Amino acid sequence: MELKPFIVYIPSEKLSDAMAEAQRVFSINKGKALSVRLPKGQHGYQYALSLIESRDPRFFGLWSPAGAIHEPPGFFLFGFHR
């Protein structure tokens, strides 16, 4: 089974609401999300892309948590899905 990367930005005040919305679109990770601190000077999308491209072990795998980068007014959610 080949896993496909995803990055989606969801305007939401709460991570739980953003994750619920992402689950409607992607078949992802049993509802888990791992918050990732955005390094100073980075943009959320570019940082998420770098973590996907490096196959960061925290997020690479069918049952791995999605990554969540807070960039107001919402969240970049990213990871892999089937």
PDB file of N, CA and C in Angstrom:
ATOM      1  N   MET A   1       0.846  -1.166   0.000  1.00  0.00           N
ATOM      2  CA  MET A   1       0.000   0.000   0.000  1.00  0.00           C
ATOM      3  C   MET A   1       0.895   1.233   0.000  1.00  0.00           C
ATOM      4  N   GLU A   2       0.637   2.125  -0.941  1.00  0.00           N
ATOM      5  CA  GLU A   2       1.434   3.337  -1.038  1.00  0.00           C
ATOM      6  C   GLU A   2       0.771   4.462  -0.260  1.00  0.00           C
ATOM      7  N   LEU A   3       1.557   5.106   0.576  1.00  0.00           N
ATOM      8  CA  LEU A   3       1.048   6.238   1.342  1.00  0.00           C
ATOM      9  C   LEU A   3       1.258   7.515   0.545  1.00  0.00           C
ATOM     10  N   LYS A   4       0.279   8.404   0.615  1.00  0.00           N
ATOM     11  CA  LYS A   4       0.338   9.668  -0.113  1.00  0.00           C
ATOM     12  C   LYS A   4       0.429  10.813   0.882  1.00  0.00           C
ATOM     13  N   PRO A   5       1.311  11.775   0.602  1.00  0.00           N
ATOM     14  CA  PRO A   5       1.426  12.910   1.515  1.00  0.00           C
ATOM     15  C   PRO A   5       0.241  13.860   1.369  1.00  0.00           C
ATOM     16  N   PHE A   6      -0.061  14.552   2.435  1.00  0.00           N
ATOM     17  CA  PHE A   6      -1.073  15.606   2.355  1.00  0.00           C
ATOM     18  C   PHE A   6      -0.643  16.784   3.215  1.00  0.00           C
ATOM     19  N   ILE A   7      -1.021  17.971   2.773  1.00  0.00           N
ATOM     20  CA  ILE A   7      -0.903  19.196   3.563  1.00  0.00           C
ATOM     21  C   ILE A   7      -2.178  19.973   3.295  1.00  0.00           C
ATOM     22  N   VAL A   8      -2.870  20.327   4.337  1.00  0.00           N
ATOM     23  CA  VAL A   8      -4.098  21.102   4.175  1.00  0.00           C
ATOM     24  C   VAL A   8      -4.125  22.188   5.241  1.00  0.00           C
ATOM     25  N   TYR A   9      -4.576  23.358   4.843  1.00  0.00           N
ATOM     26  CA  TYR A   9      -4.722  24.449   5.812  1.00  0.00           C
ATOM     27  C   TYR A   9      -6.196  24.593   6.138  1.00  0.00           C
ATOM     28  N   ILE A  10      -6.501  24.586   7.416  1.00  0.00           N
ATOM     29  CA  ILE A  10      -7.890  24.692   7.849  1.00  0.00           C
ATOM     30  C   ILE A  10      -8.010  25.835   8.843  1.00  0.00           C
ATOM     31  N   PRO A  11      -8.741  26.889   8.459  1.00  0.00           N
ATOM     32  CA  PRO A  11      -8.981  27.981   9.415  1.00  0.00           C
ATOM     33  C   PRO A  11      -9.870  27.465  10.540  1.00  0.00           C
ATOM     34  N   SER A  12      -9.364  27.454  11.724  1.00  0.00           N
ATOM     35  CA  SER A  12     -10.093  26.937  12.870  1.00  0.00           C
ATOM     36  C   SER A  12      -9.442  27.455  14.137  1.00  0.00           C
ATOM     37  N   GLU A  13     -10.254  27.730  15.135  1.00  0.00           N
ATOM     38  CA  GLU A  13      -9.699  28.202  16.403  1.00  0.00           C
ATOM     39  C   GLU A  13      -9.129  27.064  17.240  1.00  0.00           C
ATOM     40  N   LYS A  14      -9.646  25.850  17.040  1.00  0.00           N
ATOM     41  CA  LYS A  14      -9.201  24.713  17.847  1.00  0.00           C
ATOM     42  C   LYS A  14      -8.654  23.615  16.956  1.00  0.00           C
ATOM     43  N   LEU A  15      -7.569  23.004  17.408  1.00  0.00           N
ATOM     44  CA  LEU A  15      -6.965  21.914  16.664  1.00  0.00           C
ATOM     45  C   LEU A  15      -7.937  20.753  16.480  1.00  0.00           C
ATOM     46  N   SER A  16      -8.724  20.454  17.490  1.00  0.00           N
ATOM     47  CA  SER A  16      -9.656  19.328  17.377  1.00  0.00           C
ATOM     48  C   SER A  16     -10.661  19.545  16.242  1.00  0.00           C
ATOM     49  N   ASP A  17     -11.114  20.793  16.061  1.00  0.00           N
ATOM     50  CA  ASP A  17     -12.048  21.089  14.969  1.00  0.00           C
ATOM     51  C   ASP A  17     -11.355  20.979  13.611  1.00  0.00           C
ATOM     52  N   ALA A  18     -10.113  21.453  13.541  1.00  0.00           N
ATOM     53  CA  ALA A  18      -9.360  21.356  12.294  1.00  0.00           C
ATOM     54  C   ALA A  18      -9.117  19.901  11.921  1.00  0.00           C
ATOM     55  N   MET A  19      -8.793  19.085  12.917  1.00  0.00           N
ATOM     56  CA  MET A  19      -8.546  17.662  12.666  1.00  0.00           C
ATOM     57  C   MET A  19      -9.812  16.962  12.193  1.00  0.00           C
ATOM     58  N   ALA A  20     -10.946  17.287  12.786  1.00  0.00           N
ATOM     59  CA  ALA A  20     -12.211  16.682  12.367  1.00  0.00           C
ATOM     60  C   ALA A  20     -12.517  17.031  10.917  1.00  0.00           C
ATOM     61  N   GLU A  21     -12.245  18.260  10.520  1.00  0.00           N
ATOM     62  CA  GLU A  21     -12.462  18.680   9.137  1.00  0.00           C
ATOM     63  C   GLU A  21     -11.518  17.939   8.189  1.00  0.00           C
ATOM     64  N   ALA A  22     -10.265  17.788   8.569  1.00  0.00           N
ATOM     65  CA  ALA A  22      -9.304  17.069   7.736  1.00  0.00           C
ATOM     66  C   ALA A  22      -9.712  15.612   7.563  1.00  0.00           C
ATOM     67  N   GLN A  23     -10.274  15.016   8.600  1.00  0.00           N
ATOM     68  CA  GLN A  23     -10.686  13.617   8.509  1.00  0.00           C
ATOM     69  C   GLN A  23     -11.844  13.421   7.545  1.00  0.00           C
ATOM     70  N   ARG A  24     -12.617  14.471   7.314  1.00  0.00           N
ATOM     71  CA  ARG A  24     -13.692  14.367   6.326  1.00  0.00           C
ATOM     72  C   ARG A  24     -13.127  14.291   4.910  1.00  0.00           C
ATOM     73  N   VAL A  25     -11.923  14.831   4.726  1.00  0.00           N
ATOM     74  CA  VAL A  25     -11.315  14.893   3.399  1.00  0.00           C
ATOM     75  C   VAL A  25     -10.340  13.749   3.160  1.00  0.00           C
ATOM     76  N   PHE A  26      -9.561  13.381   4.178  1.00  0.00           N
ATOM     77  CA  PHE A  26      -8.526  12.363   4.040  1.00  0.00           C
ATOM     78  C   PHE A  26      -8.801  11.207   4.975  1.00  0.00           C
ATOM     79  N   SER A  27      -8.349  10.018   4.572  1.00  0.00           N
ATOM     80  CA  SER A  27      -8.411   8.845   5.439  1.00  0.00           C
ATOM     81  C   SER A  27      -7.150   8.853   6.294  1.00  0.00           C
ATOM     82  N   ILE A  28      -7.221   9.533   7.435  1.00  0.00           N
ATOM     83  CA  ILE A  28      -6.006   9.714   8.227  1.00  0.00           C
ATOM     84  C   ILE A  28      -6.168   9.227   9.663  1.00  0.00           C
ATOM     85  N   ASN A  29      -5.131   8.755  10.173  1.00  0.00           N
ATOM     86  CA  ASN A  29      -4.629   8.468  11.496  1.00  0.00           C
ATOM     87  C   ASN A  29      -5.527   8.422  12.730  1.00  0.00           C
ATOM     88  N   LYS A  30      -6.649   7.865  12.649  1.00  0.00           N
ATOM     89  CA  LYS A  30      -7.440   7.605  13.865  1.00  0.00           C
ATOM     90  C   LYS A  30      -7.583   8.826  14.765  1.00  0.00           C
ATOM     91  N   GLY A  31      -7.570  10.019  14.206  1.00  0.00           N
ATOM     92  CA  GLY A  31      -7.881  11.210  14.994  1.00  0.00           C
ATOM     93  C   GLY A  31      -6.770  11.811  15.814  1.00  0.00           C
ATOM     94  N   LYS A  32      -5.524  11.370  15.593  1.00  0.00           N
ATOM     95  CA  LYS A  32      -4.425  11.915  16.392  1.00  0.00           C
ATOM     96  C   LYS A  32      -3.742  13.057  15.645  1.00  0.00           C
ATOM     97  N   ALA A  33      -3.294  14.043  16.367  1.00  0.00           N
ATOM     98  CA  ALA A  33      -2.509  15.132  15.789  1.00  0.00           C
ATOM     99  C   ALA A  33      -1.397  15.496  16.761  1.00  0.00           C
ATOM    100  N   LEU A  34      -0.211  15.678  16.231  1.00  0.00           N
ATOM    101  CA  LEU A  34       0.944  16.041  17.034  1.00  0.00           C
ATOM    102  C   LEU A  34       1.333  17.469  16.684  1.00  0.00           C
ATOM    103  N   SER A  35       1.269  18.351  17.668  1.00  0.00           N
ATOM    104  CA  SER A  35       1.633  19.745  17.430  1.00  0.00           C
ATOM    105  C   SER A  35       3.131  19.865  17.206  1.00  0.00           C
ATOM    106  N   VAL A  36       3.482  20.668  16.210  1.00  0.00           N
ATOM    107  CA  VAL A  36       4.876  20.902  15.865  1.00  0.00           C
ATOM    108  C   VAL A  36       5.142  22.393  16.000  1.00  0.00           C
ATOM    109  N   ARG A  37       6.185  22.746  16.697  1.00  0.00           N
ATOM    110  CA  ARG A  37       6.536  24.161  16.843  1.00  0.00           C
ATOM    111  C   ARG A  37       7.133  24.660  15.534  1.00  0.00           C
ATOM    112  N   LEU A  38       6.618  25.764  15.058  1.00  0.00           N
ATOM    113  CA  LEU A  38       7.102  26.379  13.828  1.00  0.00           C
ATOM    114  C   LEU A  38       8.366  27.174  14.145  1.00  0.00           C
ATOM    115  N   PRO A  39       9.495  26.808  13.534  1.00  0.00           N
ATOM    116  CA  PRO A  39      10.722  27.566  13.794  1.00  0.00           C
ATOM    117  C   PRO A  39      10.577  29.023  13.355  1.00  0.00           C
ATOM    118  N   LYS A  40      11.216  29.890  14.091  1.00  0.00           N
ATOM    119  CA  LYS A  40      11.158  31.313  13.790  1.00  0.00           C
ATOM    120  C   LYS A  40      11.633  31.570  12.358  1.00  0.00           C
ATOM    121  N   GLY A  41      10.874  32.393  11.645  1.00  0.00           N
ATOM    122  CA  GLY A  41      11.222  32.748  10.277  1.00  0.00           C
ATOM    123  C   GLY A  41      10.722  31.772   9.223  1.00  0.00           C
ATOM    124  N   GLN A  42      10.127  30.659   9.643  1.00  0.00           N
ATOM    125  CA  GLN A  42       9.603  29.667   8.705  1.00  0.00           C
ATOM    126  C   GLN A  42       8.136  29.941   8.409  1.00  0.00           C
ATOM    127  N   HIS A  43       7.679  29.468   7.263  1.00  0.00           N
ATOM    128  CA  HIS A  43       6.260  29.496   6.912  1.00  0.00           C
ATOM    129  C   HIS A  43       5.721  28.092   7.138  1.00  0.00           C
ATOM    130  N   GLY A  44       4.504  27.991   7.639  1.00  0.00           N
ATOM    131  CA  GLY A  44       3.934  26.701   8.002  1.00  0.00           C
ATOM    132  C   GLY A  44       3.902  25.697   6.867  1.00  0.00           C
ATOM    133  N   TYR A  45       3.503  26.125   5.680  1.00  0.00           N
ATOM    134  CA  TYR A  45       3.416  25.195   4.552  1.00  0.00           C
ATOM    135  C   TYR A  45       4.801  24.671   4.189  1.00  0.00           C
ATOM    136  N   GLN A  46       5.776  25.556   4.086  1.00  0.00           N
ATOM    137  CA  GLN A  46       7.129  25.143   3.700  1.00  0.00           C
ATOM    138  C   GLN A  46       7.741  24.204   4.740  1.00  0.00           C
ATOM    139  N   TYR A  47       7.491  24.480   6.005  1.00  0.00           N
ATOM    140  CA  TYR A  47       8.029  23.616   7.050  1.00  0.00           C
ATOM    141  C   TYR A  47       7.355  22.245   7.015  1.00  0.00           C
ATOM    142  N   ALA A  48       6.048  22.220   6.841  1.00  0.00           N
ATOM    143  CA  ALA A  48       5.333  20.946   6.722  1.00  0.00           C
ATOM    144  C   ALA A  48       5.868  20.149   5.533  1.00  0.00           C
ATOM    145  N   LEU A  49       6.082  20.815   4.417  1.00  0.00           N
ATOM    146  CA  LEU A  49       6.613  20.153   3.224  1.00  0.00           C
ATOM    147  C   LEU A  49       7.988  19.560   3.498  1.00  0.00           C
ATOM    148  N   SER A  50       8.834  20.289   4.220  1.00  0.00           N
ATOM    149  CA  SER A  50      10.169  19.769   4.519  1.00  0.00           C
ATOM    150  C   SER A  50      10.100  18.525   5.407  1.00  0.00           C
ATOM    151  N   LEU A  51       9.150  18.489   6.338  1.00  0.00           N
ATOM    152  CA  LEU A  51       9.000  17.309   7.207  1.00  0.00           C
ATOM    153  C   LEU A  51       8.477  16.113   6.417  1.00  0.00           C
ATOM    154  N   ILE A  52       7.601  16.361   5.471  1.00  0.00           N
ATOM    155  CA  ILE A  52       7.104  15.281   4.615  1.00  0.00           C
ATOM    156  C   ILE A  52       8.226  14.765   3.716  1.00  0.00           C
ATOM    157  N   GLU A  53       8.933  15.678   3.073  1.00  0.00           N
ATOM    158  CA  GLU A  53       9.992  15.273   2.148  1.00  0.00           C
ATOM    159  C   GLU A  53      11.111  14.506   2.849  1.00  0.00           C
ATOM    160  N   SER A  54      11.363  14.827   4.109  1.00  0.00           N
ATOM    161  CA  SER A  54      12.408  14.120   4.853  1.00  0.00           C
ATOM    162  C   SER A  54      11.900  12.809   5.445  1.00  0.00           C
ATOM    163  N   ARG A  55      10.614  12.519   5.240  1.00  0.00           N
ATOM    164  CA  ARG A  55       9.998  11.313   5.809  1.00  0.00           C
ATOM    165  C   ARG A  55      10.229  11.272   7.323  1.00  0.00           C
ATOM    166  N   ASP A  56       9.981  12.417   7.953  1.00  0.00           N
ATOM    167  CA  ASP A  56      10.147  12.509   9.405  1.00  0.00           C
ATOM    168  C   ASP A  56       9.429  11.330  10.062  1.00  0.00           C
ATOM    169  N   PRO A  57      10.139  10.528  10.852  1.00  0.00           N
ATOM    170  CA  PRO A  57       9.545   9.308  11.397  1.00  0.00           C
ATOM    171  C   PRO A  57       8.338   9.539  12.309  1.00  0.00           C
ATOM    172  N   ARG A  58       8.175  10.750  12.817  1.00  0.00           N
ATOM    173  CA  ARG A  58       6.999  11.017  13.662  1.00  0.00           C
ATOM    174  C   ARG A  58       5.712  10.968  12.858  1.00  0.00           C
ATOM    175  N   PHE A  59       5.797  11.207  11.539  1.00  0.00           N
ATOM    176  CA  PHE A  59       4.591  11.360  10.724  1.00  0.00           C
ATOM    177  C   PHE A  59       4.510  10.374   9.568  1.00  0.00           C
ATOM    178  N   PHE A  60       5.555   9.584   9.344  1.00  0.00           N
ATOM    179  CA  PHE A  60       5.586   8.681   8.199  1.00  0.00           C
ATOM    180  C   PHE A  60       5.064   7.312   8.611  1.00  0.00           C
ATOM    181  N   GLY A  61       3.888   6.999   8.163  1.00  0.00           N
ATOM    182  CA  GLY A  61       3.287   5.716   8.486  1.00  0.00           C
ATOM    183  C   GLY A  61       1.785   5.868   8.532  1.00  0.00           C
ATOM    184  N   LEU A  62       1.102   4.796   8.161  1.00  0.00           N
ATOM    185  CA  LEU A  62      -0.356   4.842   8.063  1.00  0.00           C
ATOM    186  C   LEU A  62      -1.023   5.231   9.366  1.00  0.00           C
ATOM    187  N   TRP A  63      -0.496   4.744  10.490  1.00  0.00           N
ATOM    188  CA  TRP A  63      -1.140   5.051  11.770  1.00  0.00           C
ATOM    189  C   TRP A  63      -0.348   6.074  12.579  1.00  0.00           C
ATOM    190  N   SER A  64       0.544   6.765  11.908  1.00  0.00           N
ATOM    191  CA  SER A  64       1.279   7.841  12.574  1.00  0.00           C
ATOM    192  C   SER A  64       0.355   9.036  12.754  1.00  0.00           C
ATOM    193  N   PRO A  65       0.633   9.881  13.729  1.00  0.00           N
ATOM    194  CA  PRO A  65      -0.209  11.059  13.891  1.00  0.00           C
ATOM    195  C   PRO A  65       0.011  12.054  12.756  1.00  0.00           C
ATOM    196  N   ALA A  66      -0.984  12.853  12.524  1.00  0.00           N
ATOM    197  CA  ALA A  66      -0.818  13.983  11.610  1.00  0.00           C
ATOM    198  C   ALA A  66      -0.012  15.045  12.340  1.00  0.00           C
ATOM    199  N   GLY A  67       0.755  15.813  11.586  1.00  0.00           N
ATOM    200  CA  GLY A  67       1.429  16.960  12.164  1.00  0.00           C
ATOM    201  C   GLY A  67       0.490  18.144  12.145  1.00  0.00           C
ATOM    202  N   ALA A  68       0.612  19.018  13.104  1.00  0.00           N
ATOM    203  CA  ALA A  68      -0.235  20.208  13.195  1.00  0.00           C
ATOM    204  C   ALA A  68       0.643  21.409  13.491  1.00  0.00           C
ATOM    205  N   ILE A  69       0.650  22.355  12.570  1.00  0.00           N
ATOM    206  CA  ILE A  69       1.421  23.580  12.744  1.00  0.00           C
ATOM    207  C   ILE A  69       0.431  24.727  12.869  1.00  0.00           C
ATOM    208  N   HIS A  70       0.451  25.395  14.006  1.00  0.00           N
ATOM    209  CA  HIS A  70      -0.473  26.498  14.225  1.00  0.00           C
ATOM    210  C   HIS A  70       0.063  27.745  13.540  1.00  0.00           C
ATOM    211  N   GLU A  71      -0.722  28.269  12.621  1.00  0.00           N
ATOM    212  CA  GLU A  71      -0.414  29.529  11.967  1.00  0.00           C
ATOM    213  C   GLU A  71      -1.735  30.278  11.854  1.00  0.00           C
ATOM    214  N   PRO A  72      -2.009  31.151  12.838  1.00  0.00           N
ATOM    215  CA  PRO A  72      -3.312  31.800  12.898  1.00  0.00           C
ATOM    216  C   PRO A  72      -3.709  32.418  11.559  1.00  0.00           C
ATOM    217  N   PRO A  73      -4.991  32.279  11.218  1.00  0.00           N
ATOM    218  CA  PRO A  73      -6.108  31.882  12.078  1.00  0.00           C
ATOM    219  C   PRO A  73      -6.458  30.406  12.021  1.00  0.00           C
ATOM    220  N   GLY A  74      -5.512  29.522  11.731  1.00  0.00           N
ATOM    221  CA  GLY A  74      -5.848  28.113  11.658  1.00  0.00           C
ATOM    222  C   GLY A  74      -4.614  27.233  11.801  1.00  0.00           C
ATOM    223  N   PHE A  75      -4.687  26.057  11.164  1.00  0.00           N
ATOM    224  CA  PHE A  75      -3.650  25.041  11.303  1.00  0.00           C
ATOM    225  C   PHE A  75      -3.310  24.439   9.952  1.00  0.00           C
ATOM    226  N   PHE A  76      -2.008  24.204   9.744  1.00  0.00           N
ATOM    227  CA  PHE A  76      -1.570  23.334   8.668  1.00  0.00           C
ATOM    228  C   PHE A  76      -1.544  21.934   9.247  1.00  0.00           C
ATOM    229  N   LEU A  77      -2.304  21.034   8.676  1.00  0.00           N
ATOM    230  CA  LEU A  77      -2.257  19.624   9.056  1.00  0.00           C
ATOM    231  C   LEU A  77      -1.550  18.891   7.933  1.00  0.00           C
ATOM    232  N   PHE A  78      -0.682  17.949   8.283  1.00  0.00           N
ATOM    233  CA  PHE A  78       0.095  17.272   7.256  1.00  0.00           C
ATOM    234  C   PHE A  78       0.458  15.866   7.727  1.00  0.00           C
ATOM    235  N   GLY A  79       0.843  15.034   6.789  1.00  0.00           N
ATOM    236  CA  GLY A  79       1.252  13.676   7.077  1.00  0.00           C
ATOM    237  C   GLY A  79       1.029  12.815   5.857  1.00  0.00           C
ATOM    238  N   PHE A  80       0.667  11.575   6.109  1.00  0.00           N
ATOM    239  CA  PHE A  80       0.476  10.608   5.021  1.00  0.00           C
ATOM    240  C   PHE A  80      -0.864   9.907   5.192  1.00  0.00           C
ATOM    241  N   HIS A  81      -1.486   9.596   4.070  1.00  0.00           N
ATOM    242  CA  HIS A  81      -2.742   8.843   4.095  1.00  0.00           C
ATOM    243  C   HIS A  81      -2.695   7.805   3.001  1.00  0.00           C
ATOM    244  N   ARG A  82      -3.664   6.909   3.009  1.00  0.00           N
ATOM    245  CA  ARG A  82      -3.686   5.900   1.962  1.00  0.00           C
ATOM    246  C   ARG A  82      -4.537   6.338   0.816  1.00  0.00           C
TER     247      ARG A  82
END
